[in-house]
Amino acid sequence: MQFSFRQMAGIIAATAFCLPSQLPAQQSITVYDLTPETDTTVFSVSETWWDTETSATHEVTDIDLSFYLWDEEGDIMDVLTAPNGLTKEEWNWEPFSADFDVVADGRLFRGGWGRCYRWEDDLTSCSMDGDGGTFLIEREIRAEEIRFHLILRLSPDDIEFNKDSGMNYRPSINVEWPENDYSANMILPSGTEGRVTFSLPLYP
């Protein structure tokens, strides 16, 4: 049976007895609902077996998005709706991280995450430690919902590098840490930008 985050969300909703507005402050939240126009196959998972120098690529068929506070106090929703803007005196990082689980080839890959910068123009950049990769999250705060766009994008420097070198660098994020001569990454297989959009309903 094909794994589905939508089915998981339905099970969670069926067992919930309180609306989000009735719940106490929460340290984390997971968003399962993709908007109808979202095409998850803009991303793929690329697997590599380094000992045999073989690889395989699979289209992404489902994905979720989670946010976590780093501090033990506070409410994750306060951070997700925090005002834009930075000053030179402020610490660049927001006290939260974002991560996502990916389904490809009927299998679950869990390891994509990044600590996120403060919101600027409703956009944050989230980076994994080391060479794990970077992704963007753009938000749209509406009266009835917040939409989060998870984005992999080639920068102007990346585009210029590909043009000058004849190579085809693709942005990626680790979804399985390299070990035992194996690694897996979620990649943007083509184009200069790919995005999937999640909807988080807001309750009065």
C-alpha atoms as a PDB file:
ATOM      1  CA  MET A   1       0.000   0.000   0.000  1.00  0.00           C
ATOM      2  CA  GLN A   2       1.296   3.430  -0.928  1.00  0.00           C
ATOM      3  CA  PHE A   3       2.337   5.422   2.148  1.00  0.00           C
ATOM      4  CA  SER A   4       0.358   8.661   2.490  1.00  0.00           C
ATOM      5  CA  PHE A   5       0.791  11.570   4.887  1.00  0.00           C
ATOM      6  CA  ARG A   6      -2.789  12.592   4.054  1.00  0.00           C
ATOM      7  CA  GLN A   7      -4.037   9.304   5.507  1.00  0.00           C
ATOM      8  CA  MET A   8      -1.936   9.888   8.610  1.00  0.00           C
ATOM      9  CA  ALA A   9      -3.376  13.383   8.999  1.00  0.00           C
ATOM     10  CA  GLY A  10      -6.895  11.955   8.756  1.00  0.00           C
ATOM     11  CA  ILE A  11      -6.172   9.491  11.551  1.00  0.00           C
ATOM     12  CA  ILE A  12      -4.768  12.254  13.742  1.00  0.00           C
ATOM     13  CA  ALA A  13      -7.769  14.489  13.054  1.00  0.00           C
ATOM     14  CA  ALA A  14     -10.191  11.671  13.860  1.00  0.00           C
ATOM     15  CA  THR A  15      -8.604  11.171  17.276  1.00  0.00           C
ATOM     16  CA  ALA A  16      -8.373  14.881  18.158  1.00  0.00           C
ATOM     17  CA  PHE A  17     -10.880  16.346  20.590  1.00  0.00           C
ATOM     18  CA  CYS A  18      -9.782  20.008  20.620  1.00  0.00           C
ATOM     19  CA  LEU A  19      -9.379  22.677  18.003  1.00  0.00           C
ATOM     20  CA  PRO A  20      -5.885  24.253  17.775  1.00  0.00           C
ATOM     21  CA  SER A  21      -7.224  27.444  19.391  1.00  0.00           C
ATOM     22  CA  GLN A  22      -8.179  25.393  22.461  1.00  0.00           C
ATOM     23  CA  LEU A  23      -4.778  23.784  22.889  1.00  0.00           C
ATOM     24  CA  PRO A  24      -1.999  25.100  25.149  1.00  0.00           C
ATOM     25  CA  ALA A  25       1.171  26.596  23.667  1.00  0.00           C
ATOM     26  CA  GLN A  26       2.880  24.018  21.488  1.00  0.00           C
ATOM     27  CA  GLN A  27       6.554  23.456  20.800  1.00  0.00           C
ATOM     28  CA  SER A  28       6.083  21.949  17.351  1.00  0.00           C
ATOM     29  CA  ILE A  29       3.590  21.532  14.554  1.00  0.00           C
ATOM     30  CA  THR A  30       3.424  19.298  11.469  1.00  0.00           C
ATOM     31  CA  VAL A  31       1.589  20.255   8.286  1.00  0.00           C
ATOM     32  CA  TYR A  32       0.338  17.429   6.049  1.00  0.00           C
ATOM     33  CA  ASP A  33      -2.112  19.172   3.721  1.00  0.00           C
ATOM     34  CA  LEU A  34      -0.724  19.989   0.283  1.00  0.00           C
ATOM     35  CA  THR A  35      -2.676  22.476  -1.817  1.00  0.00           C
ATOM     36  CA  PRO A  36      -4.520  21.007  -4.845  1.00  0.00           C
ATOM     37  CA  GLU A  37      -2.181  22.670  -7.351  1.00  0.00           C
ATOM     38  CA  THR A  38       0.946  21.231  -5.734  1.00  0.00           C
ATOM     39  CA  ASP A  39       2.970  18.738  -7.768  1.00  0.00           C
ATOM     40  CA  THR A  40       5.360  16.831  -5.513  1.00  0.00           C
ATOM     41  CA  THR A  41       7.214  15.395  -8.528  1.00  0.00           C
ATOM     42  CA  VAL A  42       9.027  18.717  -8.964  1.00  0.00           C
ATOM     43  CA  PHE A  43      11.390  17.043  -6.467  1.00  0.00           C
ATOM     44  CA  SER A  44      13.117  13.684  -6.601  1.00  0.00           C
ATOM     45  CA  VAL A  45      15.110  11.536  -4.202  1.00  0.00           C
ATOM     46  CA  SER A  46      18.541  10.586  -5.491  1.00  0.00           C
ATOM     47  CA  GLU A  47      20.143   7.540  -3.854  1.00  0.00           C
ATOM     48  CA  THR A  48      23.845   6.724  -4.173  1.00  0.00           C
ATOM     49  CA  TRP A  49      25.746   3.567  -3.203  1.00  0.00           C
ATOM     50  CA  TRP A  50      29.294   4.863  -3.084  1.00  0.00           C
ATOM     51  CA  ASP A  51      31.045   1.503  -2.793  1.00  0.00           C
ATOM     52  CA  THR A  52      29.628   0.341  -6.131  1.00  0.00           C
ATOM     53  CA  GLU A  53      29.316   3.826  -7.675  1.00  0.00           C
ATOM     54  CA  THR A  54      25.674   3.207  -8.568  1.00  0.00           C
ATOM     55  CA  SER A  55      22.697   5.495  -8.157  1.00  0.00           C
ATOM     56  CA  ALA A  56      18.922   5.644  -8.583  1.00  0.00           C
ATOM     57  CA  THR A  57      16.462   8.531  -8.755  1.00  0.00           C
ATOM     58  CA  HIS A  58      12.782   8.422  -7.756  1.00  0.00           C
ATOM     59  CA  GLU A  59      10.052  11.066  -7.997  1.00  0.00           C
ATOM     60  CA  VAL A  60       8.674  12.369  -4.705  1.00  0.00           C
ATOM     61  CA  THR A  61       5.064  11.225  -4.226  1.00  0.00           C
ATOM     62  CA  ASP A  62       4.312  12.715  -0.797  1.00  0.00           C
ATOM     63  CA  ILE A  63       5.910  15.087   1.683  1.00  0.00           C
ATOM     64  CA  ASP A  64       5.144  16.746   5.013  1.00  0.00           C
ATOM     65  CA  LEU A  65       6.613  19.770   6.801  1.00  0.00           C
ATOM     66  CA  SER A  66       7.303  20.229  10.524  1.00  0.00           C
ATOM     67  CA  PHE A  67       8.450  23.172  12.624  1.00  0.00           C
ATOM     68  CA  TYR A  68      10.163  22.880  16.032  1.00  0.00           C
ATOM     69  CA  LEU A  69      11.078  25.435  18.673  1.00  0.00           C
ATOM     70  CA  TRP A  70      14.618  25.283  20.020  1.00  0.00           C
ATOM     71  CA  ASP A  71      13.597  26.871  23.312  1.00  0.00           C
ATOM     72  CA  GLU A  72      11.620  25.009  25.964  1.00  0.00           C
ATOM     73  CA  GLU A  73       9.165  27.891  26.338  1.00  0.00           C
ATOM     74  CA  GLY A  74       6.999  29.719  23.866  1.00  0.00           C
ATOM     75  CA  ASP A  75       4.600  28.827  21.095  1.00  0.00           C
ATOM     76  CA  ILE A  76       5.687  27.731  17.637  1.00  0.00           C
ATOM     77  CA  MET A  77       2.811  29.721  16.082  1.00  0.00           C
ATOM     78  CA  ASP A  78       4.270  32.946  17.507  1.00  0.00           C
ATOM     79  CA  VAL A  79       7.508  32.242  15.638  1.00  0.00           C
ATOM     80  CA  LEU A  80       5.788  31.266  12.394  1.00  0.00           C
ATOM     81  CA  THR A  81       3.816  34.525  12.416  1.00  0.00           C
ATOM     82  CA  ALA A  82       6.626  36.741  13.755  1.00  0.00           C
ATOM     83  CA  PRO A  83       7.125  40.113  12.002  1.00  0.00           C
ATOM     84  CA  ASN A  84       9.622  40.503   9.203  1.00  0.00           C
ATOM     85  CA  GLY A  85      12.791  42.471   9.644  1.00  0.00           C
ATOM     86  CA  LEU A  86      16.340  42.482  10.914  1.00  0.00           C
ATOM     87  CA  THR A  87      18.647  45.030  12.481  1.00  0.00           C
ATOM     88  CA  LYS A  88      22.414  44.742  12.755  1.00  0.00           C
ATOM     89  CA  GLU A  89      22.082  44.206  16.498  1.00  0.00           C
ATOM     90  CA  GLU A  90      19.741  41.227  16.201  1.00  0.00           C
ATOM     91  CA  TRP A  91      20.781  37.594  16.115  1.00  0.00           C
ATOM     92  CA  ASN A  92      20.174  36.227  12.629  1.00  0.00           C
ATOM     93  CA  TRP A  93      18.650  32.923  13.634  1.00  0.00           C
ATOM     94  CA  GLU A  94      15.046  32.409  14.599  1.00  0.00           C
ATOM     95  CA  PRO A  95      14.630  29.960  17.514  1.00  0.00           C
ATOM     96  CA  PHE A  96      13.128  27.284  15.280  1.00  0.00           C
ATOM     97  CA  SER A  97      14.007  24.609  12.770  1.00  0.00           C
ATOM     98  CA  ALA A  98      12.049  23.102   9.897  1.00  0.00           C
ATOM     99  CA  ASP A  99      12.179  19.554   8.635  1.00  0.00           C
ATOM    100  CA  PHE A 100      10.341  17.337   6.220  1.00  0.00           C
ATOM    101  CA  ASP A 101       9.692  13.662   5.597  1.00  0.00           C
ATOM    102  CA  VAL A 102       9.631  12.463   1.991  1.00  0.00           C
ATOM    103  CA  VAL A 103       7.996   9.489   0.299  1.00  0.00           C
ATOM    104  CA  ALA A 104       9.600   8.220  -2.913  1.00  0.00           C
ATOM    105  CA  ASP A 105       9.594   4.772  -4.491  1.00  0.00           C
ATOM    106  CA  GLY A 106       7.003   3.793  -1.849  1.00  0.00           C
ATOM    107  CA  ARG A 107       9.569   4.367   0.925  1.00  0.00           C
ATOM    108  CA  LEU A 108       9.875   6.936   3.682  1.00  0.00           C
ATOM    109  CA  PHE A 109      13.011   9.090   3.918  1.00  0.00           C
ATOM    110  CA  ARG A 110      13.406  11.058   7.149  1.00  0.00           C
ATOM    111  CA  GLY A 111      16.319  13.402   7.572  1.00  0.00           C
ATOM    112  CA  GLY A 112      15.688  16.675   5.742  1.00  0.00           C
ATOM    113  CA  TRP A 113      15.970  19.550   8.212  1.00  0.00           C
ATOM    114  CA  GLY A 114      17.500  22.961   8.700  1.00  0.00           C
ATOM    115  CA  ARG A 115      17.791  25.704  11.293  1.00  0.00           C
ATOM    116  CA  CYS A 116      16.076  28.816   9.989  1.00  0.00           C
ATOM    117  CA  TYR A 117      16.939  32.501   9.705  1.00  0.00           C
ATOM    118  CA  ARG A 118      14.566  35.292  10.686  1.00  0.00           C
ATOM    119  CA  TRP A 119      11.752  36.134   8.279  1.00  0.00           C
ATOM    120  CA  GLU A 120      12.633  38.666   5.573  1.00  0.00           C
ATOM    121  CA  ASP A 121       9.892  39.528   3.071  1.00  0.00           C
ATOM    122  CA  ASP A 122       8.036  36.462   4.404  1.00  0.00           C
ATOM    123  CA  LEU A 123      10.953  34.216   3.413  1.00  0.00           C
ATOM    124  CA  THR A 124      13.354  32.231   5.579  1.00  0.00           C
ATOM    125  CA  SER A 125      16.420  30.221   4.621  1.00  0.00           C
ATOM    126  CA  CYS A 126      16.983  26.969   6.523  1.00  0.00           C
ATOM    127  CA  SER A 127      20.395  25.283   6.578  1.00  0.00           C
ATOM    128  CA  MET A 128      21.538  21.854   7.680  1.00  0.00           C
ATOM    129  CA  ASP A 129      24.861  21.532   9.480  1.00  0.00           C
ATOM    130  CA  GLY A 130      27.925  20.909   7.354  1.00  0.00           C
ATOM    131  CA  ASP A 131      27.217  20.178   3.693  1.00  0.00           C
ATOM    132  CA  GLY A 132      23.706  18.885   4.307  1.00  0.00           C
ATOM    133  CA  GLY A 133      22.076  21.532   2.156  1.00  0.00           C
ATOM    134  CA  THR A 134      19.837  24.601   2.312  1.00  0.00           C
ATOM    135  CA  PHE A 135      16.188  25.152   1.471  1.00  0.00           C
ATOM    136  CA  LEU A 136      13.783  28.093   1.594  1.00  0.00           C
ATOM    137  CA  ILE A 137      10.351  28.498   3.146  1.00  0.00           C
ATOM    138  CA  GLU A 138       8.042  31.268   2.004  1.00  0.00           C
ATOM    139  CA  ARG A 139       4.893  32.066   3.973  1.00  0.00           C
ATOM    140  CA  GLU A 140       1.543  33.599   3.051  1.00  0.00           C
ATOM    141  CA  ILE A 141      -0.521  34.559   6.096  1.00  0.00           C
ATOM    142  CA  ARG A 142      -4.199  34.720   5.177  1.00  0.00           C
ATOM    143  CA  ALA A 143      -7.329  35.166   7.261  1.00  0.00           C
ATOM    144  CA  GLU A 144      -8.244  31.488   7.081  1.00  0.00           C
ATOM    145  CA  GLU A 145      -4.856  29.777   6.660  1.00  0.00           C
ATOM    146  CA  ILE A 146      -1.110  30.084   6.460  1.00  0.00           C
ATOM    147  CA  ARG A 147       0.479  28.752   3.304  1.00  0.00           C
ATOM    148  CA  PHE A 148       4.074  27.548   3.480  1.00  0.00           C
ATOM    149  CA  HIS A 149       6.025  27.067   0.244  1.00  0.00           C
ATOM    150  CA  LEU A 150       8.974  24.672   0.581  1.00  0.00           C
ATOM    151  CA  ILE A 151      11.462  25.715  -2.093  1.00  0.00           C
ATOM    152  CA  LEU A 152      14.675  24.445  -3.667  1.00  0.00           C
ATOM    153  CA  ARG A 153      16.141  27.142  -5.909  1.00  0.00           C
ATOM    154  CA  LEU A 154      19.239  27.750  -7.989  1.00  0.00           C
ATOM    155  CA  SER A 155      20.864  31.045  -7.045  1.00  0.00           C
ATOM    156  CA  PRO A 156      22.045  33.457  -9.784  1.00  0.00           C
ATOM    157  CA  ASP A 157      25.615  32.309  -9.024  1.00  0.00           C
ATOM    158  CA  ASP A 158      24.563  28.672  -9.463  1.00  0.00           C
ATOM    159  CA  ILE A 159      22.931  29.460 -12.818  1.00  0.00           C
ATOM    160  CA  GLU A 160      26.040  31.300 -13.981  1.00  0.00           C
ATOM    161  CA  PHE A 161      28.291  28.459 -12.787  1.00  0.00           C
ATOM    162  CA  ASN A 162      26.275  25.901 -14.760  1.00  0.00           C
ATOM    163  CA  LYS A 163      26.399  28.100 -17.844  1.00  0.00           C
ATOM    164  CA  ASP A 164      30.149  28.737 -17.662  1.00  0.00           C
ATOM    165  CA  SER A 165      31.211  25.229 -16.644  1.00  0.00           C
ATOM    166  CA  GLY A 166      28.787  23.187 -18.713  1.00  0.00           C
ATOM    167  CA  MET A 167      27.925  21.295 -15.541  1.00  0.00           C
ATOM    168  CA  ASN A 168      24.456  20.774 -14.076  1.00  0.00           C
ATOM    169  CA  TYR A 169      24.690  21.549 -10.370  1.00  0.00           C
ATOM    170  CA  ARG A 170      21.386  20.811  -8.609  1.00  0.00           C
ATOM    171  CA  PRO A 171      20.385  22.083  -5.137  1.00  0.00           C
ATOM    172  CA  SER A 172      19.703  19.268  -2.675  1.00  0.00           C
ATOM    173  CA  ILE A 173      19.123  18.441   0.982  1.00  0.00           C
ATOM    174  CA  ASN A 174      20.136  15.274   2.817  1.00  0.00           C
ATOM    175  CA  VAL A 175      17.202  12.988   3.601  1.00  0.00           C
ATOM    176  CA  GLU A 176      19.409  10.072   4.665  1.00  0.00           C
ATOM    177  CA  TRP A 177      22.763  10.861   6.236  1.00  0.00           C
ATOM    178  CA  PRO A 178      25.704   9.243   4.433  1.00  0.00           C
ATOM    179  CA  GLU A 179      26.715   6.041   6.188  1.00  0.00           C
ATOM    180  CA  ASN A 180      27.683   2.534   5.154  1.00  0.00           C
ATOM    181  CA  ASP A 181      28.628   3.901   1.714  1.00  0.00           C
ATOM    182  CA  TYR A 182      25.029   5.046   1.129  1.00  0.00           C
ATOM    183  CA  SER A 183      23.348   8.441   0.988  1.00  0.00           C
ATOM    184  CA  ALA A 184      20.063   9.929  -0.248  1.00  0.00           C
ATOM    185  CA  ASN A 185      19.179  13.500  -1.110  1.00  0.00           C
ATOM    186  CA  MET A 186      16.028  15.308  -2.125  1.00  0.00           C
ATOM    187  CA  ILE A 187      16.975  17.221  -5.259  1.00  0.00           C
ATOM    188  CA  LEU A 188      15.575  19.628  -7.812  1.00  0.00           C
ATOM    189  CA  PRO A 189      16.016  17.428 -10.897  1.00  0.00           C
ATOM    190  CA  SER A 190      15.348  20.139 -13.490  1.00  0.00           C
ATOM    191  CA  GLY A 191      14.641  23.834 -13.877  1.00  0.00           C
ATOM    192  CA  THR A 192      15.824  26.669 -11.650  1.00  0.00           C
ATOM    193  CA  GLU A 193      13.179  26.391  -8.908  1.00  0.00           C
ATOM    194  CA  GLY A 194      10.795  23.829  -7.471  1.00  0.00           C
ATOM    195  CA  ARG A 195       8.228  24.317  -4.713  1.00  0.00           C
ATOM    196  CA  VAL A 196       5.473  22.477  -2.910  1.00  0.00           C
ATOM    197  CA  THR A 197       2.802  24.316  -0.937  1.00  0.00           C
ATOM    198  CA  PHE A 198       1.277  23.349   2.413  1.00  0.00           C
ATOM    199  CA  SER A 199      -1.881  24.755   3.966  1.00  0.00           C
ATOM    200  CA  LEU A 200      -2.241  25.235   7.722  1.00  0.00           C
ATOM    201  CA  PRO A 201      -5.847  26.212   8.624  1.00  0.00           C
ATOM    202  CA  LEU A 202      -6.333  28.973  11.176  1.00  0.00           C
ATOM    203  CA  TYR A 203      -9.202  28.838  13.644  1.00  0.00           C
ATOM    204  CA  PRO A 204     -10.945  31.877  15.176  1.00  0.00           C
END
